[in-house]
Amino acid sequence: MSSGTLSKLANILSLIALLSSTIFIVYPSLISWAIAPFPIWLRWSGMLISLAGFGLLEWSHRALAANWSDQPRLMNKQVLVQTGPYQWVRHPIYTAFLLILGSSLLITANWLVGLAWLSSVVIDIRERVIFEEDIMQKRFGQDYETYRIKTGRLFPKIK
């Protein structure tokens, strides 16, 4: 699939996720067919995963400081940040989004809500990571290549 097609798919899935989340809150019986029989401890684990995601998001923003942008782009005075969570993972903000939105499956115990959020964020992140890694490689060259080899893309490398 082309990048444009994947982006459109991610947008459609995000719309489904938002709509199903609203229905889940306002009139849950409409999507009761998608209930997942998760035990309560697993649903609470989803809350902990989500909180960990928010913590990682905050830590990542602090580590980036002035290098942070709400759009995937390089700014004029951008530096290659390798501190905080960036010492282990190249894209911890996207990891945080995966944790936060992926946990919706566990928290809601609803396949429709959870898988719509998870699939939309996975597609979106895939596209953004490809774009960002390309521009980082072009801007920082060998420094980025060395950094790329020692870190994981979304999760720390297991040695």
C-alpha atoms as a PDB file:
ATOM      1  CA  MET A   1       0.000   0.000   0.000  1.00  0.00           C
ATOM      2  CA  SER A   2       1.169   3.524  -0.692  1.00  0.00           C
ATOM      3  CA  SER A   3       1.861   6.001   2.073  1.00  0.00           C
ATOM      4  CA  GLY A   4      -1.229   8.034   1.134  1.00  0.00           C
ATOM      5  CA  THR A   5      -3.463   4.961   1.218  1.00  0.00           C
ATOM      6  CA  LEU A   6      -2.106   3.916   4.613  1.00  0.00           C
ATOM      7  CA  SER A   7      -2.609   7.417   5.961  1.00  0.00           C
ATOM      8  CA  LYS A   8      -6.241   7.380   4.794  1.00  0.00           C
ATOM      9  CA  LEU A   9      -6.724   3.957   6.391  1.00  0.00           C
ATOM     10  CA  ALA A  10      -5.266   5.236   9.677  1.00  0.00           C
ATOM     11  CA  ASN A  11      -7.667   8.205   9.551  1.00  0.00           C
ATOM     12  CA  ILE A  12     -10.668   5.928   8.936  1.00  0.00           C
ATOM     13  CA  LEU A  13      -9.605   3.653  11.793  1.00  0.00           C
ATOM     14  CA  SER A  14      -9.144   6.683  14.068  1.00  0.00           C
ATOM     15  CA  LEU A  15     -12.665   7.812  13.230  1.00  0.00           C
ATOM     16  CA  ILE A  16     -14.005   4.319  13.999  1.00  0.00           C
ATOM     17  CA  ALA A  17     -12.025   4.335  17.251  1.00  0.00           C
ATOM     18  CA  LEU A  18     -13.375   7.716  18.305  1.00  0.00           C
ATOM     19  CA  LEU A  19     -16.936   6.809  17.371  1.00  0.00           C
ATOM     20  CA  SER A  20     -16.795   3.412  19.083  1.00  0.00           C
ATOM     21  CA  SER A  21     -15.244   4.983  22.200  1.00  0.00           C
ATOM     22  CA  THR A  22     -18.064   7.510  22.341  1.00  0.00           C
ATOM     23  CA  ILE A  23     -20.654   4.764  21.962  1.00  0.00           C
ATOM     24  CA  PHE A  24     -18.844   2.710  24.624  1.00  0.00           C
ATOM     25  CA  ILE A  25     -19.199   5.618  27.060  1.00  0.00           C
ATOM     26  CA  VAL A  26     -22.699   6.843  26.153  1.00  0.00           C
ATOM     27  CA  TYR A  27     -24.557   3.701  25.096  1.00  0.00           C
ATOM     28  CA  PRO A  28     -22.333   0.639  25.617  1.00  0.00           C
ATOM     29  CA  SER A  29     -25.020  -1.924  24.845  1.00  0.00           C
ATOM     30  CA  LEU A  30     -24.792  -0.942  21.146  1.00  0.00           C
ATOM     31  CA  ILE A  31     -21.335  -2.508  20.949  1.00  0.00           C
ATOM     32  CA  SER A  32     -21.747  -5.202  23.564  1.00  0.00           C
ATOM     33  CA  TRP A  33     -21.197  -7.773  20.782  1.00  0.00           C
ATOM     34  CA  ALA A  34     -17.497  -6.823  20.928  1.00  0.00           C
ATOM     35  CA  ILE A  35     -17.021  -7.464  24.645  1.00  0.00           C
ATOM     36  CA  ALA A  36     -13.803  -9.278  25.514  1.00  0.00           C
ATOM     37  CA  PRO A  37     -14.106 -11.459  28.632  1.00  0.00           C
ATOM     38  CA  PHE A  38     -10.983 -10.072  30.328  1.00  0.00           C
ATOM     39  CA  PRO A  39     -10.510 -10.615  34.052  1.00  0.00           C
ATOM     40  CA  ILE A  40     -10.521  -7.487  36.198  1.00  0.00           C
ATOM     41  CA  TRP A  41      -6.789  -7.759  36.962  1.00  0.00           C
ATOM     42  CA  LEU A  42      -6.044  -7.543  33.227  1.00  0.00           C
ATOM     43  CA  ARG A  43      -8.222  -4.454  32.873  1.00  0.00           C
ATOM     44  CA  TRP A  44      -6.385  -2.815  35.787  1.00  0.00           C
ATOM     45  CA  SER A  45      -3.118  -3.796  34.109  1.00  0.00           C
ATOM     46  CA  GLY A  46      -4.339  -1.756  31.143  1.00  0.00           C
ATOM     47  CA  MET A  47      -4.621   1.257  33.430  1.00  0.00           C
ATOM     48  CA  LEU A  48      -1.048   0.739  34.638  1.00  0.00           C
ATOM     49  CA  ILE A  49       0.182   0.373  31.045  1.00  0.00           C
ATOM     50  CA  SER A  50      -1.612   3.585  30.112  1.00  0.00           C
ATOM     51  CA  LEU A  51      -0.096   5.441  33.079  1.00  0.00           C
ATOM     52  CA  ALA A  52       3.340   4.147  32.100  1.00  0.00           C
ATOM     53  CA  GLY A  53       2.688   5.485  28.600  1.00  0.00           C
ATOM     54  CA  PHE A  54       1.811   8.932  29.947  1.00  0.00           C
ATOM     55  CA  GLY A  55       4.944   8.876  32.113  1.00  0.00           C
ATOM     56  CA  LEU A  56       7.083   7.936  29.117  1.00  0.00           C
ATOM     57  CA  LEU A  57       5.444  10.673  27.052  1.00  0.00           C
ATOM     58  CA  GLU A  58       6.293  13.316  29.658  1.00  0.00           C
ATOM     59  CA  TRP A  59       9.860  12.015  30.104  1.00  0.00           C
ATOM     60  CA  SER A  60      10.368  12.039  26.326  1.00  0.00           C
ATOM     61  CA  HIS A  61       9.125  15.617  25.977  1.00  0.00           C
ATOM     62  CA  ARG A  62      11.433  16.750  28.781  1.00  0.00           C
ATOM     63  CA  ALA A  63      14.413  14.988  27.195  1.00  0.00           C
ATOM     64  CA  LEU A  64      13.723  16.633  23.836  1.00  0.00           C
ATOM     65  CA  ALA A  65      13.218  20.079  25.417  1.00  0.00           C
ATOM     66  CA  ALA A  66      13.587  22.692  22.636  1.00  0.00           C
ATOM     67  CA  ASN A  67      13.991  19.933  20.021  1.00  0.00           C
ATOM     68  CA  TRP A  68      10.363  18.852  20.372  1.00  0.00           C
ATOM     69  CA  SER A  69       7.910  19.575  17.564  1.00  0.00           C
ATOM     70  CA  ASP A  70       4.297  18.519  17.210  1.00  0.00           C
ATOM     71  CA  GLN A  71       4.992  17.595  13.585  1.00  0.00           C
ATOM     72  CA  PRO A  72       7.616  15.134  12.325  1.00  0.00           C
ATOM     73  CA  ARG A  73      10.238  17.555  11.047  1.00  0.00           C
ATOM     74  CA  LEU A  74      13.725  18.847  11.759  1.00  0.00           C
ATOM     75  CA  MET A  75      14.179  22.352  13.079  1.00  0.00           C
ATOM     76  CA  ASN A  76      17.172  24.570  12.269  1.00  0.00           C
ATOM     77  CA  LYS A  77      18.955  24.085  15.594  1.00  0.00           C
ATOM     78  CA  GLN A  78      17.912  20.454  16.069  1.00  0.00           C
ATOM     79  CA  VAL A  79      20.389  18.220  17.873  1.00  0.00           C
ATOM     80  CA  LEU A  80      20.486  14.438  18.063  1.00  0.00           C
ATOM     81  CA  VAL A  81      19.058  13.787  21.534  1.00  0.00           C
ATOM     82  CA  GLN A  82      20.444  10.644  23.183  1.00  0.00           C
ATOM     83  CA  THR A  83      19.484  11.240  26.808  1.00  0.00           C
ATOM     84  CA  GLY A  84      16.485  10.201  28.873  1.00  0.00           C
ATOM     85  CA  PRO A  85      14.503   7.452  27.141  1.00  0.00           C
ATOM     86  CA  TYR A  86      16.349   8.275  23.904  1.00  0.00           C
ATOM     87  CA  GLN A  87      19.395   6.452  25.196  1.00  0.00           C
ATOM     88  CA  TRP A  88      17.513   3.172  24.686  1.00  0.00           C
ATOM     89  CA  VAL A  89      14.765   3.940  22.143  1.00  0.00           C
ATOM     90  CA  ARG A  90      14.759   6.196  19.059  1.00  0.00           C
ATOM     91  CA  HIS A  91      11.017   6.956  19.132  1.00  0.00           C
ATOM     92  CA  PRO A  92       9.800   6.820  22.757  1.00  0.00           C
ATOM     93  CA  ILE A  93       6.946   9.251  22.100  1.00  0.00           C
ATOM     94  CA  TYR A  94       5.493   6.783  19.616  1.00  0.00           C
ATOM     95  CA  THR A  95       6.074   3.986  22.113  1.00  0.00           C
ATOM     96  CA  ALA A  96       4.078   6.051  24.612  1.00  0.00           C
ATOM     97  CA  PHE A  97       1.219   6.391  22.111  1.00  0.00           C
ATOM     98  CA  LEU A  98       1.255   2.624  21.573  1.00  0.00           C
ATOM     99  CA  LEU A  99       1.058   2.037  25.323  1.00  0.00           C
ATOM    100  CA  ILE A 100      -1.664   4.628  25.900  1.00  0.00           C
ATOM    101  CA  LEU A 101      -3.919   3.781  22.969  1.00  0.00           C
ATOM    102  CA  GLY A 102      -3.106   0.075  22.966  1.00  0.00           C
ATOM    103  CA  SER A 103      -4.160  -0.152  26.601  1.00  0.00           C
ATOM    104  CA  SER A 104      -7.680   0.872  25.582  1.00  0.00           C
ATOM    105  CA  LEU A 105      -8.260  -2.746  24.542  1.00  0.00           C
ATOM    106  CA  LEU A 106      -7.542  -3.940  28.068  1.00  0.00           C
ATOM    107  CA  ILE A 107      -9.263  -1.061  29.864  1.00  0.00           C
ATOM    108  CA  THR A 108     -12.517  -1.221  27.907  1.00  0.00           C
ATOM    109  CA  ALA A 109     -12.460  -4.987  27.377  1.00  0.00           C
ATOM    110  CA  ASN A 110     -13.994  -4.245  24.005  1.00  0.00           C
ATOM    111  CA  TRP A 111     -12.428  -5.570  20.800  1.00  0.00           C
ATOM    112  CA  LEU A 112     -13.888  -2.876  18.565  1.00  0.00           C
ATOM    113  CA  VAL A 113     -12.683   0.039  20.678  1.00  0.00           C
ATOM    114  CA  GLY A 114      -9.281  -1.428  21.464  1.00  0.00           C
ATOM    115  CA  LEU A 115      -8.339  -2.795  18.071  1.00  0.00           C
ATOM    116  CA  ALA A 116      -9.526   0.326  16.251  1.00  0.00           C
ATOM    117  CA  TRP A 117      -7.261   2.514  18.416  1.00  0.00           C
ATOM    118  CA  LEU A 118      -4.355   0.113  18.280  1.00  0.00           C
ATOM    119  CA  SER A 119      -4.467  -0.456  14.528  1.00  0.00           C
ATOM    120  CA  SER A 120      -4.842   3.248  13.726  1.00  0.00           C
ATOM    121  CA  VAL A 121      -1.858   4.191  15.888  1.00  0.00           C
ATOM    122  CA  VAL A 122       0.301   1.336  14.533  1.00  0.00           C
ATOM    123  CA  ILE A 123      -0.299   2.445  10.938  1.00  0.00           C
ATOM    124  CA  ASP A 124       0.289   6.111  11.752  1.00  0.00           C
ATOM    125  CA  ILE A 125       3.459   5.400  13.721  1.00  0.00           C
ATOM    126  CA  ARG A 126       4.849   3.198  10.963  1.00  0.00           C
ATOM    127  CA  GLU A 127       4.548   6.023   8.451  1.00  0.00           C
ATOM    128  CA  ARG A 128       5.993   8.631  10.803  1.00  0.00           C
ATOM    129  CA  VAL A 129       8.960   6.486  11.844  1.00  0.00           C
ATOM    130  CA  ILE A 130       9.949   5.804   8.237  1.00  0.00           C
ATOM    131  CA  PHE A 131       9.798   9.532   7.445  1.00  0.00           C
ATOM    132  CA  GLU A 132      11.623  10.643  10.598  1.00  0.00           C
ATOM    133  CA  GLU A 133      14.403   8.091  10.336  1.00  0.00           C
ATOM    134  CA  ASP A 134      15.044   9.130   6.751  1.00  0.00           C
ATOM    135  CA  ILE A 135      15.408  12.824   7.603  1.00  0.00           C
ATOM    136  CA  MET A 136      17.473  12.083  10.726  1.00  0.00           C
ATOM    137  CA  GLN A 137      19.842   9.924   8.672  1.00  0.00           C
ATOM    138  CA  LYS A 138      20.234  12.679   6.086  1.00  0.00           C
ATOM    139  CA  ARG A 139      20.820  15.368   8.722  1.00  0.00           C
ATOM    140  CA  PHE A 140      23.082  13.551  11.184  1.00  0.00           C
ATOM    141  CA  GLY A 141      24.719  10.950   8.922  1.00  0.00           C
ATOM    142  CA  GLN A 142      27.136   8.598  10.685  1.00  0.00           C
ATOM    143  CA  ASP A 143      26.179   9.910  14.139  1.00  0.00           C
ATOM    144  CA  TYR A 144      22.604   8.794  13.507  1.00  0.00           C
ATOM    145  CA  GLU A 145      23.719   5.465  12.058  1.00  0.00           C
ATOM    146  CA  THR A 146      25.766   4.746  15.186  1.00  0.00           C
ATOM    147  CA  TYR A 147      22.828   5.768  17.371  1.00  0.00           C
ATOM    148  CA  ARG A 148      20.435   3.640  15.283  1.00  0.00           C
ATOM    149  CA  ILE A 149      22.600   0.554  15.697  1.00  0.00           C
ATOM    150  CA  LYS A 150      22.767   0.814  19.497  1.00  0.00           C
ATOM    151  CA  THR A 151      19.102   1.653  20.154  1.00  0.00           C
ATOM    152  CA  GLY A 152      15.759   0.034  19.479  1.00  0.00           C
ATOM    153  CA  ARG A 153      13.205   1.686  17.241  1.00  0.00           C
ATOM    154  CA  LEU A 154      10.208   1.558  19.603  1.00  0.00           C
ATOM    155  CA  PHE A 155      11.420  -0.739  22.365  1.00  0.00           C
ATOM    156  CA  PRO A 156      14.881  -1.198  23.884  1.00  0.00           C
ATOM    157  CA  LYS A 157      17.100  -3.753  22.234  1.00  0.00           C
ATOM    158  CA  ILE A 158      17.477  -6.967  24.188  1.00  0.00           C
ATOM    159  CA  LYS A 159      21.100  -7.964  24.325  1.00  0.00           C
END
